Amino acid sequence: MLALATRVVSDYGKVLAQVSPGVYGLPESLLPYPKERIREALRFLLQNVVQEHPELREGLARGYVYLAQFVADDDAQTIARGAASATGQSPDDGDAEPAMRLINRIKAEMEQALNELAGVAGE
């Protein structure tokens, strides 16, 4: 299980190295595995391996929270259109509200992930 979890997280890390930090709504199709599989691998490593390595633990925790940034590809397109509308690159104001709802959902999922991590740290 350790080798598999390490491989899954390593492949996910390669994706993270290629995306811009702070971007909301990245398409799930960029991920090398389904989100739940990556989440489980991160949880496994956080619970079983890295207690004595705080830097590694922090990186895994960030990756766990950042996983919420990956959304269904259609939702990622909605967010991109909303961002274009907000910056004046698109005249269609109808995209802004659905994009903001999706971004708020991402923020809520990130907060939930932080709460889950508090539970993992307490185990």
PDB file of N, CA and C in Angstrom:
ATOM      1  N   MET A   1       0.821  -1.198   0.000  1.00  0.00           N
ATOM      2  CA  MET A   1       0.000   0.000   0.000  1.00  0.00           C
ATOM      3  C   MET A   1       0.864   1.260   0.000  1.00  0.00           C
ATOM      4  N   LEU A   2       1.971   1.225   0.718  1.00  0.00           N
ATOM      5  CA  LEU A   2       2.850   2.393   0.793  1.00  0.00           C
ATOM      6  C   LEU A   2       3.388   2.761  -0.583  1.00  0.00           C
ATOM      7  N   ALA A   3       3.852   1.772  -1.342  1.00  0.00           N
ATOM      8  CA  ALA A   3       4.405   2.047  -2.670  1.00  0.00           C
ATOM      9  C   ALA A   3       3.344   2.625  -3.603  1.00  0.00           C
ATOM     10  N   LEU A   4       2.137   2.074  -3.553  1.00  0.00           N
ATOM     11  CA  LEU A   4       1.054   2.566  -4.407  1.00  0.00           C
ATOM     12  C   LEU A   4       0.676   3.989  -4.026  1.00  0.00           C
ATOM     13  N   ALA A   5       0.506   4.251  -2.749  1.00  0.00           N
ATOM     14  CA  ALA A   5       0.155   5.598  -2.291  1.00  0.00           C
ATOM     15  C   ALA A   5       1.234   6.598  -2.680  1.00  0.00           C
ATOM     16  N   THR A   6       2.476   6.187  -2.546  1.00  0.00           N
ATOM     17  CA  THR A   6       3.580   7.071  -2.904  1.00  0.00           C
ATOM     18  C   THR A   6       3.567   7.390  -4.394  1.00  0.00           C
ATOM     19  N   ARG A   7       3.287   6.385  -5.216  1.00  0.00           N
ATOM     20  CA  ARG A   7       3.231   6.610  -6.661  1.00  0.00           C
ATOM     21  C   ARG A   7       2.084   7.539  -7.039  1.00  0.00           C
ATOM     22  N   VAL A   8       0.918   7.312  -6.449  1.00  0.00           N
ATOM     23  CA  VAL A   8      -0.249   8.154  -6.740  1.00  0.00           C
ATOM     24  C   VAL A   8       0.053   9.608  -6.368  1.00  0.00           C
ATOM     25  N   VAL A   9       0.611   9.816  -5.187  1.00  0.00           N
ATOM     26  CA  VAL A   9       0.902  11.173  -4.726  1.00  0.00           C
ATOM     27  C   VAL A   9       2.012  11.802  -5.565  1.00  0.00           C
ATOM     28  N   SER A  10       2.986  11.014  -5.952  1.00  0.00           N
ATOM     29  CA  SER A  10       4.065  11.528  -6.799  1.00  0.00           C
ATOM     30  C   SER A  10       3.523  11.991  -8.153  1.00  0.00           C
ATOM     31  N   ASP A  11       2.658  11.185  -8.757  1.00  0.00           N
ATOM     32  CA  ASP A  11       2.057  11.563 -10.042  1.00  0.00           C
ATOM     33  C   ASP A  11       1.200  12.815  -9.895  1.00  0.00           C
ATOM     34  N   TYR A  12       0.472  12.924  -8.808  1.00  0.00           N
ATOM     35  CA  TYR A  12      -0.331  14.117  -8.523  1.00  0.00           C
ATOM     36  C   TYR A  12       0.593  15.328  -8.343  1.00  0.00           C
ATOM     37  N   GLY A  13       1.696  15.142  -7.662  1.00  0.00           N
ATOM     38  CA  GLY A  13       2.659  16.226  -7.469  1.00  0.00           C
ATOM     39  C   GLY A  13       3.196  16.755  -8.787  1.00  0.00           C
ATOM     40  N   LYS A  14       3.387  15.883  -9.759  1.00  0.00           N
ATOM     41  CA  LYS A  14       3.844  16.307 -11.084  1.00  0.00           C
ATOM     42  C   LYS A  14       2.817  17.220 -11.744  1.00  0.00           C
ATOM     43  N   VAL A  15       1.547  16.921 -11.545  1.00  0.00           N
ATOM     44  CA  VAL A  15       0.487  17.778 -12.086  1.00  0.00           C
ATOM     45  C   VAL A  15       0.523  19.134 -11.380  1.00  0.00           C
ATOM     46  N   LEU A  16       0.637  19.117 -10.057  1.00  0.00           N
ATOM     47  CA  LEU A  16       0.668  20.371  -9.307  1.00  0.00           C
ATOM     48  C   LEU A  16       1.837  21.252  -9.734  1.00  0.00           C
ATOM     49  N   ALA A  17       2.947  20.649 -10.091  1.00  0.00           N
ATOM     50  CA  ALA A  17       4.114  21.415 -10.510  1.00  0.00           C
ATOM     51  C   ALA A  17       3.873  22.142 -11.830  1.00  0.00           C
ATOM     52  N   GLN A  18       2.879  21.704 -12.591  1.00  0.00           N
ATOM     53  CA  GLN A  18       2.615  22.296 -13.904  1.00  0.00           C
ATOM     54  C   GLN A  18       1.479  23.310 -13.910  1.00  0.00           C
ATOM     55  N   VAL A  19       0.737  23.438 -12.809  1.00  0.00           N
ATOM     56  CA  VAL A  19      -0.395  24.365 -12.795  1.00  0.00           C
ATOM     57  C   VAL A  19      -0.016  25.633 -12.043  1.00  0.00           C
ATOM     58  N   SER A  20      -0.722  26.690 -12.342  1.00  0.00           N
ATOM     59  CA  SER A  20      -0.476  27.958 -11.669  1.00  0.00           C
ATOM     60  C   SER A  20      -1.120  27.944 -10.293  1.00  0.00           C
ATOM     61  N   PRO A  21      -0.361  28.288  -9.257  1.00  0.00           N
ATOM     62  CA  PRO A  21      -0.964  28.326  -7.921  1.00  0.00           C
ATOM     63  C   PRO A  21      -1.992  29.447  -7.830  1.00  0.00           C
ATOM     64  N   GLY A  22      -2.987  29.237  -7.019  1.00  0.00           N
ATOM     65  CA  GLY A  22      -4.006  30.263  -6.811  1.00  0.00           C
ATOM     66  C   GLY A  22      -5.084  30.302  -7.864  1.00  0.00           C
ATOM     67  N   VAL A  23      -5.054  29.397  -8.832  1.00  0.00           N
ATOM     68  CA  VAL A  23      -6.082  29.352  -9.869  1.00  0.00           C
ATOM     69  C   VAL A  23      -7.256  28.541  -9.341  1.00  0.00           C
ATOM     70  N   TYR A  24      -8.438  29.100  -9.460  1.00  0.00           N
ATOM     71  CA  TYR A  24      -9.639  28.369  -9.054  1.00  0.00           C
ATOM     72  C   TYR A  24     -10.197  27.600 -10.230  1.00  0.00           C
ATOM     73  N   GLY A  25     -10.608  26.376  -9.965  1.00  0.00           N
ATOM     74  CA  GLY A  25     -11.340  25.611 -10.961  1.00  0.00           C
ATOM     75  C   GLY A  25     -10.502  24.995 -12.053  1.00  0.00           C
ATOM     76  N   LEU A  26      -9.553  24.171 -11.667  1.00  0.00           N
ATOM     77  CA  LEU A  26      -8.766  23.429 -12.648  1.00  0.00           C
ATOM     78  C   LEU A  26      -9.550  22.198 -13.096  1.00  0.00           C
ATOM     79  N   PRO A  27      -9.459  21.830 -14.368  1.00  0.00           N
ATOM     80  CA  PRO A  27     -10.221  20.669 -14.845  1.00  0.00           C
ATOM     81  C   PRO A  27      -9.701  19.352 -14.264  1.00  0.00           C
ATOM     82  N   GLU A  28     -10.622  18.521 -13.809  1.00  0.00           N
ATOM     83  CA  GLU A  28     -10.264  17.207 -13.257  1.00  0.00           C
ATOM     84  C   GLU A  28      -9.528  16.335 -14.262  1.00  0.00           C
ATOM     85  N   SER A  29      -9.734  16.592 -15.535  1.00  0.00           N
ATOM     86  CA  SER A  29      -9.076  15.767 -16.552  1.00  0.00           C
ATOM     87  C   SER A  29      -7.556  15.906 -16.496  1.00  0.00           C
ATOM     88  N   LEU A  30      -7.045  16.903 -15.797  1.00  0.00           N
ATOM     89  CA  LEU A  30      -5.594  17.041 -15.614  1.00  0.00           C
ATOM     90  C   LEU A  30      -5.040  16.030 -14.617  1.00  0.00           C
ATOM     91  N   LEU A  31      -5.904  15.526 -13.755  1.00  0.00           N
ATOM     92  CA  LEU A  31      -5.446  14.625 -12.701  1.00  0.00           C
ATOM     93  C   LEU A  31      -5.086  13.251 -13.260  1.00  0.00           C
ATOM     94  N   PRO A  32      -4.025  12.639 -12.713  1.00  0.00           N
ATOM     95  CA  PRO A  32      -3.621  11.319 -13.195  1.00  0.00           C
ATOM     96  C   PRO A  32      -4.496  10.182 -12.672  1.00  0.00           C
ATOM     97  N   TYR A  33      -5.270  10.453 -11.620  1.00  0.00           N
ATOM     98  CA  TYR A  33      -6.165   9.460 -11.000  1.00  0.00           C
ATOM     99  C   TYR A  33      -7.427  10.187 -10.551  1.00  0.00           C
ATOM    100  N   PRO A  34      -8.485   9.459 -10.256  1.00  0.00           N
ATOM    101  CA  PRO A  34      -9.678  10.099  -9.700  1.00  0.00           C
ATOM    102  C   PRO A  34      -9.348  10.808  -8.373  1.00  0.00           C
ATOM    103  N   LYS A  35     -10.062  11.887  -8.119  1.00  0.00           N
ATOM    104  CA  LYS A  35      -9.799  12.683  -6.909  1.00  0.00           C
ATOM    105  C   LYS A  35      -9.832  11.836  -5.645  1.00  0.00           C
ATOM    106  N   GLU A  36     -10.796  10.954  -5.528  1.00  0.00           N
ATOM    107  CA  GLU A  36     -10.917  10.158  -4.300  1.00  0.00           C
ATOM    108  C   GLU A  36      -9.703   9.253  -4.099  1.00  0.00           C
ATOM    109  N   ARG A  37      -9.174   8.715  -5.172  1.00  0.00           N
ATOM    110  CA  ARG A  37      -7.979   7.859  -5.056  1.00  0.00           C
ATOM    111  C   ARG A  37      -6.778   8.684  -4.571  1.00  0.00           C
ATOM    112  N   ILE A  38      -6.631   9.888  -5.105  1.00  0.00           N
ATOM    113  CA  ILE A  38      -5.545  10.770  -4.659  1.00  0.00           C
ATOM    114  C   ILE A  38      -5.755  11.156  -3.200  1.00  0.00           C
ATOM    115  N   ARG A  39      -6.985  11.486  -2.851  1.00  0.00           N
ATOM    116  CA  ARG A  39      -7.313  11.865  -1.466  1.00  0.00           C
ATOM    117  C   ARG A  39      -6.964  10.733  -0.498  1.00  0.00           C
ATOM    118  N   GLU A  40      -7.331   9.504  -0.867  1.00  0.00           N
ATOM    119  CA  GLU A  40      -7.036   8.348  -0.008  1.00  0.00           C
ATOM    120  C   GLU A  40      -5.531   8.137   0.141  1.00  0.00           C
ATOM    121  N   ALA A  41      -4.789   8.295  -0.946  1.00  0.00           N
ATOM    122  CA  ALA A  41      -3.332   8.119  -0.886  1.00  0.00           C
ATOM    123  C   ALA A  41      -2.698   9.185   0.007  1.00  0.00           C
ATOM    124  N   LEU A  42      -3.150  10.419  -0.126  1.00  0.00           N
ATOM    125  CA  LEU A  42      -2.631  11.493   0.725  1.00  0.00           C
ATOM    126  C   LEU A  42      -2.944  11.222   2.195  1.00  0.00           C
ATOM    127  N   ARG A  43      -4.187  10.813   2.463  1.00  0.00           N
ATOM    128  CA  ARG A  43      -4.578  10.494   3.839  1.00  0.00           C
ATOM    129  C   ARG A  43      -3.727   9.368   4.410  1.00  0.00           C
ATOM    130  N   PHE A  44      -3.524   8.331   3.612  1.00  0.00           N
ATOM    131  CA  PHE A  44      -2.717   7.194   4.055  1.00  0.00           C
ATOM    132  C   PHE A  44      -1.315   7.656   4.439  1.00  0.00           C
ATOM    133  N   LEU A  45      -0.697   8.429   3.575  1.00  0.00           N
ATOM    134  CA  LEU A  45       0.662   8.892   3.866  1.00  0.00           C
ATOM    135  C   LEU A  45       0.690   9.807   5.082  1.00  0.00           C
ATOM    136  N   LEU A  46      -0.291  10.675   5.199  1.00  0.00           N
ATOM    137  CA  LEU A  46      -0.345  11.573   6.361  1.00  0.00           C
ATOM    138  C   LEU A  46      -0.512  10.792   7.661  1.00  0.00           C
ATOM    139  N   GLN A  47      -1.278   9.717   7.623  1.00  0.00           N
ATOM    140  CA  GLN A  47      -1.541   8.940   8.838  1.00  0.00           C
ATOM    141  C   GLN A  47      -0.422   7.978   9.194  1.00  0.00           C
ATOM    142  N   ASN A  48       0.320   7.504   8.195  1.00  0.00           N
ATOM    143  CA  ASN A  48       1.224   6.386   8.445  1.00  0.00           C
ATOM    144  C   ASN A  48       2.710   6.657   8.266  1.00  0.00           C
ATOM    145  N   VAL A  49       3.067   7.735   7.616  1.00  0.00           N
ATOM    146  CA  VAL A  49       4.462   7.839   7.230  1.00  0.00           C
ATOM    147  C   VAL A  49       5.177   9.061   7.779  1.00  0.00           C
ATOM    148  N   VAL A  50       4.569  10.180   7.747  1.00  0.00           N
ATOM    149  CA  VAL A  50       5.342  11.413   7.836  1.00  0.00           C
ATOM    150  C   VAL A  50       5.314  12.132   9.180  1.00  0.00           C
ATOM    151  N   GLN A  51       4.994  11.458  10.240  1.00  0.00           N
ATOM    152  CA  GLN A  51       4.959  12.118  11.544  1.00  0.00           C
ATOM    153  C   GLN A  51       6.297  12.772  11.875  1.00  0.00           C
ATOM    154  N   GLU A  52       7.380  12.119  11.506  1.00  0.00           N
ATOM    155  CA  GLU A  52       8.711  12.623  11.851  1.00  0.00           C
ATOM    156  C   GLU A  52       9.288  13.574  10.799  1.00  0.00           C
ATOM    157  N   HIS A  53       8.532  13.882   9.752  1.00  0.00           N
ATOM    158  CA  HIS A  53       8.992  14.771   8.682  1.00  0.00           C
ATOM    159  C   HIS A  53       7.995  15.913   8.490  1.00  0.00           C
ATOM    160  N   PRO A  54       8.084  16.972   9.300  1.00  0.00           N
ATOM    161  CA  PRO A  54       7.082  18.038   9.229  1.00  0.00           C
ATOM    162  C   PRO A  54       7.020  18.744   7.870  1.00  0.00           C
ATOM    163  N   GLU A  55       8.140  18.876   7.168  1.00  0.00           N
ATOM    164  CA  GLU A  55       8.110  19.554   5.866  1.00  0.00           C
ATOM    165  C   GLU A  55       7.319  18.730   4.848  1.00  0.00           C
ATOM    166  N   LEU A  56       7.555  17.434   4.851  1.00  0.00           N
ATOM    167  CA  LEU A  56       6.829  16.548   3.951  1.00  0.00           C
ATOM    168  C   LEU A  56       5.349  16.529   4.316  1.00  0.00           C
ATOM    169  N   ARG A  57       5.064  16.484   5.598  1.00  0.00           N
ATOM    170  CA  ARG A  57       3.677  16.495   6.070  1.00  0.00           C
ATOM    171  C   ARG A  57       2.948  17.754   5.614  1.00  0.00           C
ATOM    172  N   GLU A  58       3.624  18.885   5.703  1.00  0.00           N
ATOM    173  CA  GLU A  58       3.011  20.147   5.276  1.00  0.00           C
ATOM    174  C   GLU A  58       2.722  20.136   3.774  1.00  0.00           C
ATOM    175  N   GLY A  59       3.648  19.616   2.987  1.00  0.00           N
ATOM    176  CA  GLY A  59       3.423  19.524   1.543  1.00  0.00           C
ATOM    177  C   GLY A  59       2.261  18.609   1.191  1.00  0.00           C
ATOM    178  N   LEU A  60       2.173  17.480   1.884  1.00  0.00           N
ATOM    179  CA  LEU A  60       1.047  16.564   1.663  1.00  0.00           C
ATOM    180  C   LEU A  60      -0.274  17.221   2.061  1.00  0.00           C
ATOM    181  N   ALA A  61      -0.258  17.950   3.154  1.00  0.00           N
ATOM    182  CA  ALA A  61      -1.477  18.636   3.611  1.00  0.00           C
ATOM    183  C   ALA A  61      -1.908  19.694   2.598  1.00  0.00           C
ATOM    184  N   ARG A  62      -0.958  20.449   2.077  1.00  0.00           N
ATOM    185  CA  ARG A  62      -1.298  21.449   1.058  1.00  0.00           C
ATOM    186  C   ARG A  62      -1.890  20.781  -0.173  1.00  0.00           C
ATOM    187  N   GLY A  63      -1.290  19.673  -0.592  1.00  0.00           N
ATOM    188  CA  GLY A  63      -1.808  18.946  -1.745  1.00  0.00           C
ATOM    189  C   GLY A  63      -3.208  18.418  -1.503  1.00  0.00           C
ATOM    190  N   TYR A  64      -3.472  17.996  -0.268  1.00  0.00           N
ATOM    191  CA  TYR A  64      -4.795  17.496   0.106  1.00  0.00           C
ATOM    192  C   TYR A  64      -5.838  18.603  -0.024  1.00  0.00           C
ATOM    193  N   VAL A  65      -5.515  19.770   0.502  1.00  0.00           N
ATOM    194  CA  VAL A  65      -6.448  20.903   0.441  1.00  0.00           C
ATOM    195  C   VAL A  65      -6.598  21.385  -1.000  1.00  0.00           C
ATOM    196  N   TYR A  66      -5.502  21.451  -1.725  1.00  0.00           N
ATOM    197  CA  TYR A  66      -5.520  21.974  -3.091  1.00  0.00           C
ATOM    198  C   TYR A  66      -6.305  21.075  -4.041  1.00  0.00           C
ATOM    199  N   LEU A  67      -6.499  19.831  -3.678  1.00  0.00           N
ATOM    200  CA  LEU A  67      -7.264  18.913  -4.515  1.00  0.00           C
ATOM    201  C   LEU A  67      -8.677  19.446  -4.798  1.00  0.00           C
ATOM    202  N   ALA A  68      -9.192  20.254  -3.893  1.00  0.00           N
ATOM    203  CA  ALA A  68     -10.518  20.841  -4.096  1.00  0.00           C
ATOM    204  C   ALA A  68     -10.549  21.779  -5.299  1.00  0.00           C
ATOM    205  N   GLN A  69      -9.401  22.271  -5.731  1.00  0.00           N
ATOM    206  CA  GLN A  69      -9.338  23.161  -6.889  1.00  0.00           C
ATOM    207  C   GLN A  69      -9.692  22.441  -8.191  1.00  0.00           C
ATOM    208  N   PHE A  70      -9.595  21.139  -8.181  1.00  0.00           N
ATOM    209  CA  PHE A  70      -9.897  20.363  -9.388  1.00  0.00           C
ATOM    210  C   PHE A  70     -11.388  20.037  -9.407  1.00  0.00           C
ATOM    211  N   VAL A  71     -12.051  20.496 -10.453  1.00  0.00           N
ATOM    212  CA  VAL A  71     -13.500  20.336 -10.583  1.00  0.00           C
ATOM    213  C   VAL A  71     -13.806  19.697 -11.937  1.00  0.00           C
ATOM    214  N   ALA A  72     -15.052  19.294 -12.102  1.00  0.00           N
ATOM    215  CA  ALA A  72     -15.476  18.744 -13.393  1.00  0.00           C
ATOM    216  C   ALA A  72     -15.082  19.710 -14.512  1.00  0.00           C
ATOM    217  N   ASP A  73     -14.705  19.172 -15.644  1.00  0.00           N
ATOM    218  CA  ASP A  73     -14.215  20.004 -16.745  1.00  0.00           C
ATOM    219  C   ASP A  73     -15.224  21.081 -17.146  1.00  0.00           C
ATOM    220  N   ASP A  74     -16.522  20.749 -17.166  1.00  0.00           N
ATOM    221  CA  ASP A  74     -17.548  21.740 -17.503  1.00  0.00           C
ATOM    222  C   ASP A  74     -17.543  22.885 -16.493  1.00  0.00           C
ATOM    223  N   ASP A  75     -17.381  22.548 -15.211  1.00  0.00           N
ATOM    224  CA  ASP A  75     -17.323  23.584 -14.177  1.00  0.00           C
ATOM    225  C   ASP A  75     -16.077  24.454 -14.342  1.00  0.00           C
ATOM    226  N   ALA A  76     -14.969  23.842 -14.716  1.00  0.00           N
ATOM    227  CA  ALA A  76     -13.738  24.606 -14.950  1.00  0.00           C
ATOM    228  C   ALA A  76     -13.931  25.598 -16.089  1.00  0.00           C
ATOM    229  N   GLN A  77     -14.648  25.189 -17.115  1.00  0.00           N
ATOM    230  CA  GLN A  77     -14.933  26.096 -18.235  1.00  0.00           C
ATOM    231  C   GLN A  77     -15.834  27.248 -17.789  1.00  0.00           C
ATOM    232  N   THR A  78     -16.813  26.948 -16.948  1.00  0.00           N
ATOM    233  CA  THR A  78     -17.696  27.989 -16.423  1.00  0.00           C
ATOM    234  C   THR A  78     -16.894  29.009 -15.628  1.00  0.00           C
ATOM    235  N   ILE A  79     -15.988  28.525 -14.799  1.00  0.00           N
ATOM    236  CA  ILE A  79     -15.154  29.429 -13.992  1.00  0.00           C
ATOM    237  C   ILE A  79     -14.255  30.266 -14.896  1.00  0.00           C
ATOM    238  N   ALA A  80     -13.691  29.678 -15.915  1.00  0.00           N
ATOM    239  CA  ALA A  80     -12.833  30.424 -16.845  1.00  0.00           C
ATOM    240  C   ALA A  80     -13.632  31.511 -17.570  1.00  0.00           C
ATOM    241  N   ARG A  81     -14.855  31.189 -17.988  1.00  0.00           N
ATOM    242  CA  ARG A  81     -15.695  32.196 -18.642  1.00  0.00           C
ATOM    243  C   ARG A  81     -16.056  33.311 -17.667  1.00  0.00           C
ATOM    244  N   GLY A  82     -16.327  32.936 -16.419  1.00  0.00           N
ATOM    245  CA  GLY A  82     -16.644  33.947 -15.406  1.00  0.00           C
ATOM    246  C   GLY A  82     -15.467  34.857 -15.132  1.00  0.00           C
ATOM    247  N   ALA A  83     -14.264  34.299 -15.105  1.00  0.00           N
ATOM    248  CA  ALA A  83     -13.061  35.116 -14.900  1.00  0.00           C
ATOM    249  C   ALA A  83     -12.859  36.063 -16.070  1.00  0.00           C
ATOM    250  N   ALA A  84     -13.107  35.579 -17.282  1.00  0.00           N
ATOM    251  CA  ALA A  84     -12.981  36.434 -18.462  1.00  0.00           C
ATOM    252  C   ALA A  84     -13.993  37.569 -18.407  1.00  0.00           C
ATOM    253  N   SER A  85     -15.177  37.272 -17.951  1.00  0.00           N
ATOM    254  CA  SER A  85     -16.210  38.292 -17.822  1.00  0.00           C
ATOM    255  C   SER A  85     -15.824  39.323 -16.761  1.00  0.00           C
ATOM    256  N   ALA A  86     -15.305  38.865 -15.628  1.00  0.00           N
ATOM    257  CA  ALA A  86     -14.936  39.755 -14.528  1.00  0.00           C
ATOM    258  C   ALA A  86     -13.782  40.686 -14.901  1.00  0.00           C
ATOM    259  N   THR A  87     -12.912  40.239 -15.781  1.00  0.00           N
ATOM    260  CA  THR A  87     -11.760  41.056 -16.177  1.00  0.00           C
ATOM    261  C   THR A  87     -12.033  41.864 -17.439  1.00  0.00           C
ATOM    262  N   GLY A  88     -13.255  41.794 -17.948  1.00  0.00           N
ATOM    263  CA  GLY A  88     -13.612  42.577 -19.123  1.00  0.00           C
ATOM    264  C   GLY A  88     -13.182  41.944 -20.433  1.00  0.00           C
ATOM    265  N   GLN A  89     -12.694  40.723 -20.390  1.00  0.00           N
ATOM    266  CA  GLN A  89     -12.268  40.041 -21.614  1.00  0.00           C
ATOM    267  C   GLN A  89     -13.436  39.401 -22.345  1.00  0.00           C
ATOM    268  N   SER A  90     -14.581  39.352 -21.684  1.00  0.00           N
ATOM    269  CA  SER A  90     -15.775  38.788 -22.300  1.00  0.00           C
ATOM    270  C   SER A  90     -16.948  39.701 -21.969  1.00  0.00           C
ATOM    271  N   PRO A  91     -17.749  40.021 -22.943  1.00  0.00           N
ATOM    272  CA  PRO A  91     -18.885  40.918 -22.689  1.00  0.00           C
ATOM    273  C   PRO A  91     -20.070  40.232 -22.003  1.00  0.00           C
ATOM    274  N   ASP A  92     -20.045  38.921 -21.869  1.00  0.00           N
ATOM    275  CA  ASP A  92     -21.169  38.177 -21.312  1.00  0.00           C
ATOM    276  C   ASP A  92     -21.106  38.177 -19.791  1.00  0.00           C
ATOM    277  N   ASP A  93     -21.941  39.002 -19.151  1.00  0.00           N
ATOM    278  CA  ASP A  93     -21.979  39.065 -17.687  1.00  0.00           C
ATOM    279  C   ASP A  93     -22.712  37.879 -17.074  1.00  0.00           C
ATOM    280  N   GLY A  94     -23.393  37.091 -17.885  1.00  0.00           N
ATOM    281  CA  GLY A  94     -24.144  35.948 -17.381  1.00  0.00           C
ATOM    282  C   GLY A  94     -23.258  34.832 -16.841  1.00  0.00           C
ATOM    283  N   ASP A  95     -21.973  34.869 -17.143  1.00  0.00           N
ATOM    284  CA  ASP A  95     -21.065  33.833 -16.681  1.00  0.00           C
ATOM    285  C   ASP A  95     -20.528  34.100 -15.279  1.00  0.00           C
ATOM    286  N   ALA A  96     -20.609  35.317 -14.825  1.00  0.00           N
ATOM    287  CA  ALA A  96     -19.984  35.686 -13.550  1.00  0.00           C
ATOM    288  C   ALA A  96     -20.654  35.010 -12.354  1.00  0.00           C
ATOM    289  N   GLU A  97     -21.967  35.021 -12.285  1.00  0.00           N
ATOM    290  CA  GLU A  97     -22.654  34.458 -11.117  1.00  0.00           C
ATOM    291  C   GLU A  97     -22.465  32.951 -10.983  1.00  0.00           C
ATOM    292  N   PRO A  98     -22.646  32.162 -12.049  1.00  0.00           N
ATOM    293  CA  PRO A  98     -22.386  30.714 -11.898  1.00  0.00           C
ATOM    294  C   PRO A  98     -20.935  30.435 -11.512  1.00  0.00           C
ATOM    295  N   ALA A  99     -20.014  31.218 -12.042  1.00  0.00           N
ATOM    296  CA  ALA A  99     -18.602  31.027 -11.697  1.00  0.00           C
ATOM    297  C   ALA A  99     -18.367  31.309 -10.218  1.00  0.00           C
ATOM    298  N   MET A 100     -18.963  32.353  -9.705  1.00  0.00           N
ATOM    299  CA  MET A 100     -18.790  32.689  -8.286  1.00  0.00           C
ATOM    300  C   MET A 100     -19.381  31.597  -7.386  1.00  0.00           C
ATOM    301  N   ARG A 101     -20.505  31.031  -7.786  1.00  0.00           N
ATOM    302  CA  ARG A 101     -21.080  29.922  -7.000  1.00  0.00           C
ATOM    303  C   ARG A 101     -20.120  28.737  -6.958  1.00  0.00           C
ATOM    304  N   LEU A 102     -19.509  28.441  -8.092  1.00  0.00           N
ATOM    305  CA  LEU A 102     -18.557  27.327  -8.141  1.00  0.00           C
ATOM    306  C   LEU A 102     -17.310  27.629  -7.300  1.00  0.00           C
ATOM    307  N   ILE A 103     -16.830  28.849  -7.373  1.00  0.00           N
ATOM    308  CA  ILE A 103     -15.662  29.232  -6.578  1.00  0.00           C
ATOM    309  C   ILE A 103     -15.992  29.148  -5.088  1.00  0.00           C
ATOM    310  N   ASN A 104     -17.173  29.575  -4.714  1.00  0.00           N
ATOM    311  CA  ASN A 104     -17.583  29.454  -3.305  1.00  0.00           C
ATOM    312  C   ASN A 104     -17.652  27.995  -2.873  1.00  0.00           C
ATOM    313  N   ARG A 105     -18.098  27.130  -3.772  1.00  0.00           N
ATOM    314  CA  ARG A 105     -18.129  25.695  -3.464  1.00  0.00           C
ATOM    315  C   ARG A 105     -16.707  25.152  -3.271  1.00  0.00           C
ATOM    316  N   ILE A 106     -15.794  25.591  -4.119  1.00  0.00           N
ATOM    317  CA  ILE A 106     -14.390  25.173  -3.986  1.00  0.00           C
ATOM    318  C   ILE A 106     -13.838  25.628  -2.639  1.00  0.00           C
ATOM    319  N   LYS A 107     -14.105  26.866  -2.272  1.00  0.00           N
ATOM    320  CA  LYS A 107     -13.620  27.384  -0.986  1.00  0.00           C
ATOM    321  C   LYS A 107     -14.182  26.572   0.178  1.00  0.00           C
ATOM    322  N   ALA A 108     -15.451  26.210   0.084  1.00  0.00           N
ATOM    323  CA  ALA A 108     -16.068  25.398   1.141  1.00  0.00           C
ATOM    324  C   ALA A 108     -15.419  24.015   1.203  1.00  0.00           C
ATOM    325  N   GLU A 109     -15.118  23.432   0.047  1.00  0.00           N
ATOM    326  CA  GLU A 109     -14.463  22.120   0.020  1.00  0.00           C
ATOM    327  C   GLU A 109     -13.047  22.202   0.575  1.00  0.00           C
ATOM    328  N   MET A 110     -12.371  23.315   0.325  1.00  0.00           N
ATOM    329  CA  MET A 110     -11.021  23.495   0.878  1.00  0.00           C
ATOM    330  C   MET A 110     -11.082  23.605   2.401  1.00  0.00           C
ATOM    331  N   GLU A 111     -12.079  24.325   2.894  1.00  0.00           N
ATOM    332  CA  GLU A 111     -12.252  24.441   4.341  1.00  0.00           C
ATOM    333  C   GLU A 111     -12.581  23.073   4.948  1.00  0.00           C
ATOM    334  N   GLN A 112     -13.418  22.315   4.278  1.00  0.00           N
ATOM    335  CA  GLN A 112     -13.751  20.972   4.750  1.00  0.00           C
ATOM    336  C   GLN A 112     -12.493  20.104   4.786  1.00  0.00           C
ATOM    337  N   ALA A 113     -11.649  20.219   3.777  1.00  0.00           N
ATOM    338  CA  ALA A 113     -10.407  19.451   3.731  1.00  0.00           C
ATOM    339  C   ALA A 113      -9.506  19.826   4.911  1.00  0.00           C
ATOM    340  N   LEU A 114      -9.446  21.099   5.241  1.00  0.00           N
ATOM    341  CA  LEU A 114      -8.667  21.528   6.412  1.00  0.00           C
ATOM    342  C   LEU A 114      -9.204  20.891   7.684  1.00  0.00           C
ATOM    343  N   ASN A 115     -10.521  20.853   7.803  1.00  0.00           N
ATOM    344  CA  ASN A 115     -11.134  20.223   8.975  1.00  0.00           C
ATOM    345  C   ASN A 115     -10.835  18.732   9.020  1.00  0.00           C
ATOM    346  N   GLU A 116     -10.850  18.079   7.858  1.00  0.00           N
ATOM    347  CA  GLU A 116     -10.514  16.657   7.808  1.00  0.00           C
ATOM    348  C   GLU A 116      -9.064  16.433   8.251  1.00  0.00           C
ATOM    349  N   LEU A 117      -8.186  17.331   7.835  1.00  0.00           N
ATOM    350  CA  LEU A 117      -6.776  17.210   8.214  1.00  0.00           C
ATOM    351  C   LEU A 117      -6.603  17.348   9.726  1.00  0.00           C
ATOM    352  N   ALA A 118      -7.403  18.188  10.325  1.00  0.00           N
ATOM    353  CA  ALA A 118      -7.338  18.324  11.790  1.00  0.00           C
ATOM    354  C   ALA A 118      -7.679  16.977  12.438  1.00  0.00           C
ATOM    355  N   GLY A 119      -8.627  16.254  11.851  1.00  0.00           N
ATOM    356  CA  GLY A 119      -8.978  14.925  12.353  1.00  0.00           C
ATOM    357  C   GLY A 119      -7.871  13.925  12.141  1.00  0.00           C
ATOM    358  N   VAL A 120      -7.171  14.016  11.008  1.00  0.00           N
ATOM    359  CA  VAL A 120      -6.060  13.112  10.724  1.00  0.00           C
ATOM    360  C   VAL A 120      -4.921  13.391  11.688  1.00  0.00           C
ATOM    361  N   ALA A 121      -4.658  14.652  11.982  1.00  0.00           N
ATOM    362  CA  ALA A 121      -3.572  15.013  12.894  1.00  0.00           C
ATOM    363  C   ALA A 121      -3.874  14.553  14.313  1.00  0.00           C
ATOM    364  N   GLY A 122      -5.179  14.503  14.638  1.00  0.00           N
ATOM    365  CA  GLY A 122      -5.552  14.098  15.990  1.00  0.00           C
ATOM    366  C   GLY A 122      -5.544  12.605  16.208  1.00  0.00           C
ATOM    367  N   GLU A 123      -5.426  11.822  15.133  1.00  0.00           N
ATOM    368  CA  GLU A 123      -5.465  10.354  15.271  1.00  0.00           C
ATOM    369  C   GLU A 123      -4.147   9.810  15.753  1.00  0.00           C
TER     370      GLU A 123
END
